[in-house]
Amino acid sequence: MNFLKDPNKMRFISLIVAVIGLFLILNSPRLGSISTSSWLRSVGGSEDSQKYLQMLEGYIDSYRVIGSIFLFTGLFSILNKNDNK
């Protein structure tokens, strides 16, 4: 993969990863709600409200963690001063 050796292309890819991470973090409540609605349909459409809230919080937290990992990885790659030249 020779194109990954170019520092400008790597910074661009890192920027894209960071933007995706930021998107996931900022939209985690909406994405979590969509995922929870999908889960609710898959279990028959009826579930205890406490279980629903647990699943909602779990999905939101999952999107936040994944987004944080993407954001951290992207920003770390962009700000890394060790360019292999």
N, C-alpha and C. Protein backbone atom coordinates (compact mmCIF):
# COMPACT_ATOMS: atom_id res chain seq x y z
N MET A 1 0.84 -1.18 0.00
CA MET A 1 0.00 0.00 0.00
C MET A 1 0.88 1.25 0.00
N ASN A 2 1.32 1.60 -1.15
CA ASN A 2 2.23 2.74 -1.28
C ASN A 2 1.54 4.08 -1.06
N PHE A 3 0.24 4.15 -1.32
CA PHE A 3 -0.44 5.43 -1.16
C PHE A 3 -0.53 5.85 0.31
N LEU A 4 -0.41 4.90 1.24
CA LEU A 4 -0.46 5.24 2.65
C LEU A 4 0.86 5.80 3.16
N LYS A 5 1.91 5.71 2.35
CA LYS A 5 3.21 6.25 2.76
C LYS A 5 3.29 7.75 2.55
N ASP A 6 2.41 8.30 1.75
CA ASP A 6 2.39 9.74 1.51
C ASP A 6 1.76 10.43 2.72
N PRO A 7 2.52 11.32 3.40
CA PRO A 7 1.99 11.96 4.63
C PRO A 7 0.72 12.78 4.39
N ASN A 8 0.60 13.42 3.23
CA ASN A 8 -0.60 14.23 2.96
C ASN A 8 -1.84 13.35 2.82
N LYS A 9 -1.69 12.21 2.17
CA LYS A 9 -2.83 11.30 2.02
C LYS A 9 -3.20 10.69 3.37
N MET A 10 -2.20 10.37 4.17
CA MET A 10 -2.49 9.83 5.50
C MET A 10 -3.20 10.86 6.38
N ARG A 11 -2.80 12.10 6.29
CA ARG A 11 -3.47 13.15 7.07
C ARG A 11 -4.92 13.34 6.60
N PHE A 12 -5.13 13.21 5.29
CA PHE A 12 -6.50 13.32 4.77
C PHE A 12 -7.35 12.16 5.28
N ILE A 13 -6.83 10.95 5.24
CA ILE A 13 -7.56 9.78 5.75
C ILE A 13 -7.81 9.95 7.24
N SER A 14 -6.82 10.44 7.97
CA SER A 14 -6.98 10.67 9.41
C SER A 14 -8.05 11.71 9.68
N LEU A 15 -8.12 12.73 8.85
CA LEU A 15 -9.15 13.76 9.00
C LEU A 15 -10.53 13.16 8.78
N ILE A 16 -10.66 12.30 7.78
CA ILE A 16 -11.94 11.64 7.51
C ILE A 16 -12.35 10.78 8.71
N VAL A 17 -11.40 10.02 9.26
CA VAL A 17 -11.70 9.18 10.43
C VAL A 17 -12.13 10.04 11.61
N ALA A 18 -11.46 11.17 11.82
CA ALA A 18 -11.81 12.06 12.93
C ALA A 18 -13.20 12.66 12.73
N VAL A 19 -13.54 13.03 11.50
CA VAL A 19 -14.86 13.60 11.22
C VAL A 19 -15.95 12.54 11.44
N ILE A 20 -15.68 11.31 11.02
CA ILE A 20 -16.65 10.23 11.27
C ILE A 20 -16.84 10.04 12.77
N GLY A 21 -15.75 10.08 13.52
CA GLY A 21 -15.85 9.95 14.98
C GLY A 21 -16.67 11.06 15.60
N LEU A 22 -16.43 12.29 15.15
CA LEU A 22 -17.19 13.43 15.66
C LEU A 22 -18.67 13.28 15.32
N PHE A 23 -18.95 12.83 14.10
CA PHE A 23 -20.34 12.60 13.69
C PHE A 23 -21.01 11.57 14.59
N LEU A 24 -20.31 10.47 14.88
CA LEU A 24 -20.88 9.42 15.73
C LEU A 24 -21.14 9.94 17.14
N ILE A 25 -20.23 10.73 17.66
CA ILE A 25 -20.41 11.26 19.02
C ILE A 25 -21.60 12.22 19.07
N LEU A 26 -21.66 13.13 18.12
CA LEU A 26 -22.73 14.14 18.14
C LEU A 26 -24.10 13.55 17.83
N ASN A 27 -24.14 12.49 17.03
CA ASN A 27 -25.42 11.90 16.65
C ASN A 27 -25.73 10.61 17.40
N SER A 28 -24.99 10.34 18.47
CA SER A 28 -25.20 9.10 19.21
C SER A 28 -26.62 8.98 19.79
N PRO A 29 -27.25 10.05 20.27
CA PRO A 29 -28.63 9.86 20.76
C PRO A 29 -29.60 9.44 19.66
N ARG A 30 -29.48 10.06 18.49
CA ARG A 30 -30.37 9.71 17.38
C ARG A 30 -30.09 8.31 16.88
N LEU A 31 -28.80 7.98 16.70
CA LEU A 31 -28.43 6.65 16.23
C LEU A 31 -28.83 5.58 17.26
N GLY A 32 -28.66 5.89 18.53
CA GLY A 32 -29.07 4.97 19.59
C GLY A 32 -30.56 4.73 19.59
N SER A 33 -31.32 5.78 19.35
CA SER A 33 -32.77 5.66 19.30
C SER A 33 -33.21 4.80 18.12
N ILE A 34 -32.56 4.99 16.98
CA ILE A 34 -32.88 4.19 15.80
C ILE A 34 -32.55 2.72 16.06
N SER A 35 -31.38 2.46 16.66
CA SER A 35 -30.99 1.08 16.96
C SER A 35 -31.92 0.44 17.98
N THR A 36 -32.35 1.21 18.98
CA THR A 36 -33.26 0.69 19.99
C THR A 36 -34.62 0.39 19.39
N SER A 37 -35.08 1.23 18.48
CA SER A 37 -36.36 0.97 17.82
C SER A 37 -36.28 -0.31 16.99
N SER A 38 -35.16 -0.50 16.33
CA SER A 38 -34.95 -1.72 15.56
C SER A 38 -34.95 -2.94 16.47
N TRP A 39 -34.28 -2.84 17.60
CA TRP A 39 -34.26 -3.93 18.58
C TRP A 39 -35.67 -4.23 19.07
N LEU A 40 -36.42 -3.18 19.36
CA LEU A 40 -37.78 -3.36 19.87
C LEU A 40 -38.66 -4.08 18.86
N ARG A 41 -38.52 -3.74 17.58
CA ARG A 41 -39.28 -4.44 16.54
C ARG A 41 -38.86 -5.91 16.46
N SER A 42 -37.56 -6.18 16.67
CA SER A 42 -37.08 -7.56 16.55
C SER A 42 -37.55 -8.46 17.69
N VAL A 43 -37.89 -7.86 18.84
CA VAL A 43 -38.39 -8.67 19.96
C VAL A 43 -39.92 -8.69 20.02
N GLY A 44 -40.56 -8.21 18.99
CA GLY A 44 -42.01 -8.29 18.93
C GLY A 44 -42.75 -7.00 19.17
N GLY A 45 -42.05 -5.92 19.48
CA GLY A 45 -42.69 -4.62 19.62
C GLY A 45 -43.19 -4.28 21.00
N SER A 46 -43.00 -5.17 21.95
CA SER A 46 -43.46 -4.90 23.30
C SER A 46 -42.38 -5.33 24.29
N GLU A 47 -42.01 -4.39 25.15
CA GLU A 47 -40.97 -4.68 26.15
C GLU A 47 -41.16 -3.73 27.33
N ASP A 48 -40.66 -4.12 28.46
CA ASP A 48 -40.72 -3.32 29.67
C ASP A 48 -39.99 -1.99 29.45
N SER A 49 -40.53 -0.91 29.99
CA SER A 49 -39.93 0.41 29.77
C SER A 49 -38.52 0.50 30.37
N GLN A 50 -38.29 -0.17 31.49
CA GLN A 50 -36.95 -0.15 32.10
C GLN A 50 -35.95 -0.83 31.18
N LYS A 51 -36.34 -1.96 30.58
CA LYS A 51 -35.46 -2.67 29.65
C LYS A 51 -35.20 -1.82 28.41
N TYR A 52 -36.23 -1.11 27.94
CA TYR A 52 -36.08 -0.23 26.78
C TYR A 52 -35.06 0.87 27.08
N LEU A 53 -35.17 1.49 28.25
CA LEU A 53 -34.24 2.55 28.62
C LEU A 53 -32.82 2.02 28.77
N GLN A 54 -32.67 0.80 29.29
CA GLN A 54 -31.35 0.18 29.41
C GLN A 54 -30.74 -0.02 28.02
N MET A 55 -31.52 -0.53 27.11
CA MET A 55 -31.03 -0.76 25.75
C MET A 55 -30.69 0.57 25.07
N LEU A 56 -31.53 1.58 25.27
CA LEU A 56 -31.28 2.89 24.69
C LEU A 56 -29.95 3.46 25.18
N GLU A 57 -29.74 3.42 26.49
CA GLU A 57 -28.48 3.92 27.05
C GLU A 57 -27.29 3.11 26.55
N GLY A 58 -27.47 1.81 26.43
CA GLY A 58 -26.39 0.96 25.93
C GLY A 58 -26.01 1.28 24.50
N TYR A 59 -27.01 1.46 23.65
CA TYR A 59 -26.73 1.80 22.26
C TYR A 59 -26.08 3.18 22.15
N ILE A 60 -26.58 4.14 22.90
CA ILE A 60 -25.99 5.49 22.86
C ILE A 60 -24.54 5.44 23.32
N ASP A 61 -24.29 4.73 24.41
CA ASP A 61 -22.92 4.60 24.92
C ASP A 61 -22.01 3.91 23.90
N SER A 62 -22.53 2.92 23.22
CA SER A 62 -21.74 2.22 22.20
C SER A 62 -21.32 3.16 21.08
N TYR A 63 -22.26 3.96 20.60
CA TYR A 63 -21.93 4.91 19.54
C TYR A 63 -20.94 5.97 20.03
N ARG A 64 -21.07 6.39 21.27
CA ARG A 64 -20.12 7.36 21.82
C ARG A 64 -18.72 6.78 21.93
N VAL A 65 -18.61 5.54 22.38
CA VAL A 65 -17.29 4.90 22.52
C VAL A 65 -16.64 4.71 21.15
N ILE A 66 -17.39 4.21 20.19
CA ILE A 66 -16.85 4.01 18.85
C ILE A 66 -16.44 5.36 18.25
N GLY A 67 -17.28 6.37 18.42
CA GLY A 67 -16.96 7.70 17.92
C GLY A 67 -15.73 8.28 18.59
N SER A 68 -15.59 8.06 19.88
CA SER A 68 -14.42 8.57 20.61
C SER A 68 -13.15 7.90 20.13
N ILE A 69 -13.22 6.61 19.87
CA ILE A 69 -12.05 5.89 19.36
C ILE A 69 -11.66 6.43 17.99
N PHE A 70 -12.64 6.61 17.11
CA PHE A 70 -12.35 7.15 15.78
C PHE A 70 -11.78 8.56 15.88
N LEU A 71 -12.40 9.40 16.70
CA LEU A 71 -11.93 10.78 16.84
C LEU A 71 -10.52 10.83 17.39
N PHE A 72 -10.25 10.07 18.44
CA PHE A 72 -8.92 10.05 19.03
C PHE A 72 -7.88 9.55 18.03
N THR A 73 -8.20 8.46 17.35
CA THR A 73 -7.26 7.89 16.39
C THR A 73 -6.98 8.87 15.26
N GLY A 74 -8.01 9.49 14.74
CA GLY A 74 -7.83 10.45 13.65
C GLY A 74 -7.03 11.66 14.07
N LEU A 75 -7.38 12.24 15.22
CA LEU A 75 -6.65 13.42 15.68
C LEU A 75 -5.22 13.10 16.06
N PHE A 76 -5.00 11.94 16.67
CA PHE A 76 -3.64 11.54 17.03
C PHE A 76 -2.79 11.40 15.77
N SER A 77 -3.36 10.82 14.73
CA SER A 77 -2.63 10.64 13.47
C SER A 77 -2.33 11.99 12.81
N ILE A 78 -3.28 12.89 12.88
CA ILE A 78 -3.08 14.22 12.27
C ILE A 78 -1.99 14.99 13.02
N LEU A 79 -2.04 14.94 14.34
CA LEU A 79 -1.13 15.75 15.16
C LEU A 79 0.21 15.08 15.42
N ASN A 80 0.36 13.84 15.00
CA ASN A 80 1.61 13.12 15.22
C ASN A 80 2.74 13.82 14.47
N LYS A 81 3.80 14.17 15.16
CA LYS A 81 4.91 14.91 14.55
C LYS A 81 5.93 13.99 13.89
N ASN A 82 5.83 12.67 14.07
CA ASN A 82 6.79 11.73 13.49
C ASN A 82 6.37 11.35 12.09
N ASP A 83 6.64 12.22 11.12
CA ASP A 83 6.38 11.89 9.72
C ASP A 83 7.55 11.08 9.21
N ASN A 84 7.26 9.90 8.73
CA ASN A 84 8.32 9.03 8.20
C ASN A 84 8.71 9.51 6.81
N LYS A 85 9.74 10.30 6.73
CA LYS A 85 10.19 10.83 5.44
C LYS A 85 11.54 10.27 5.08
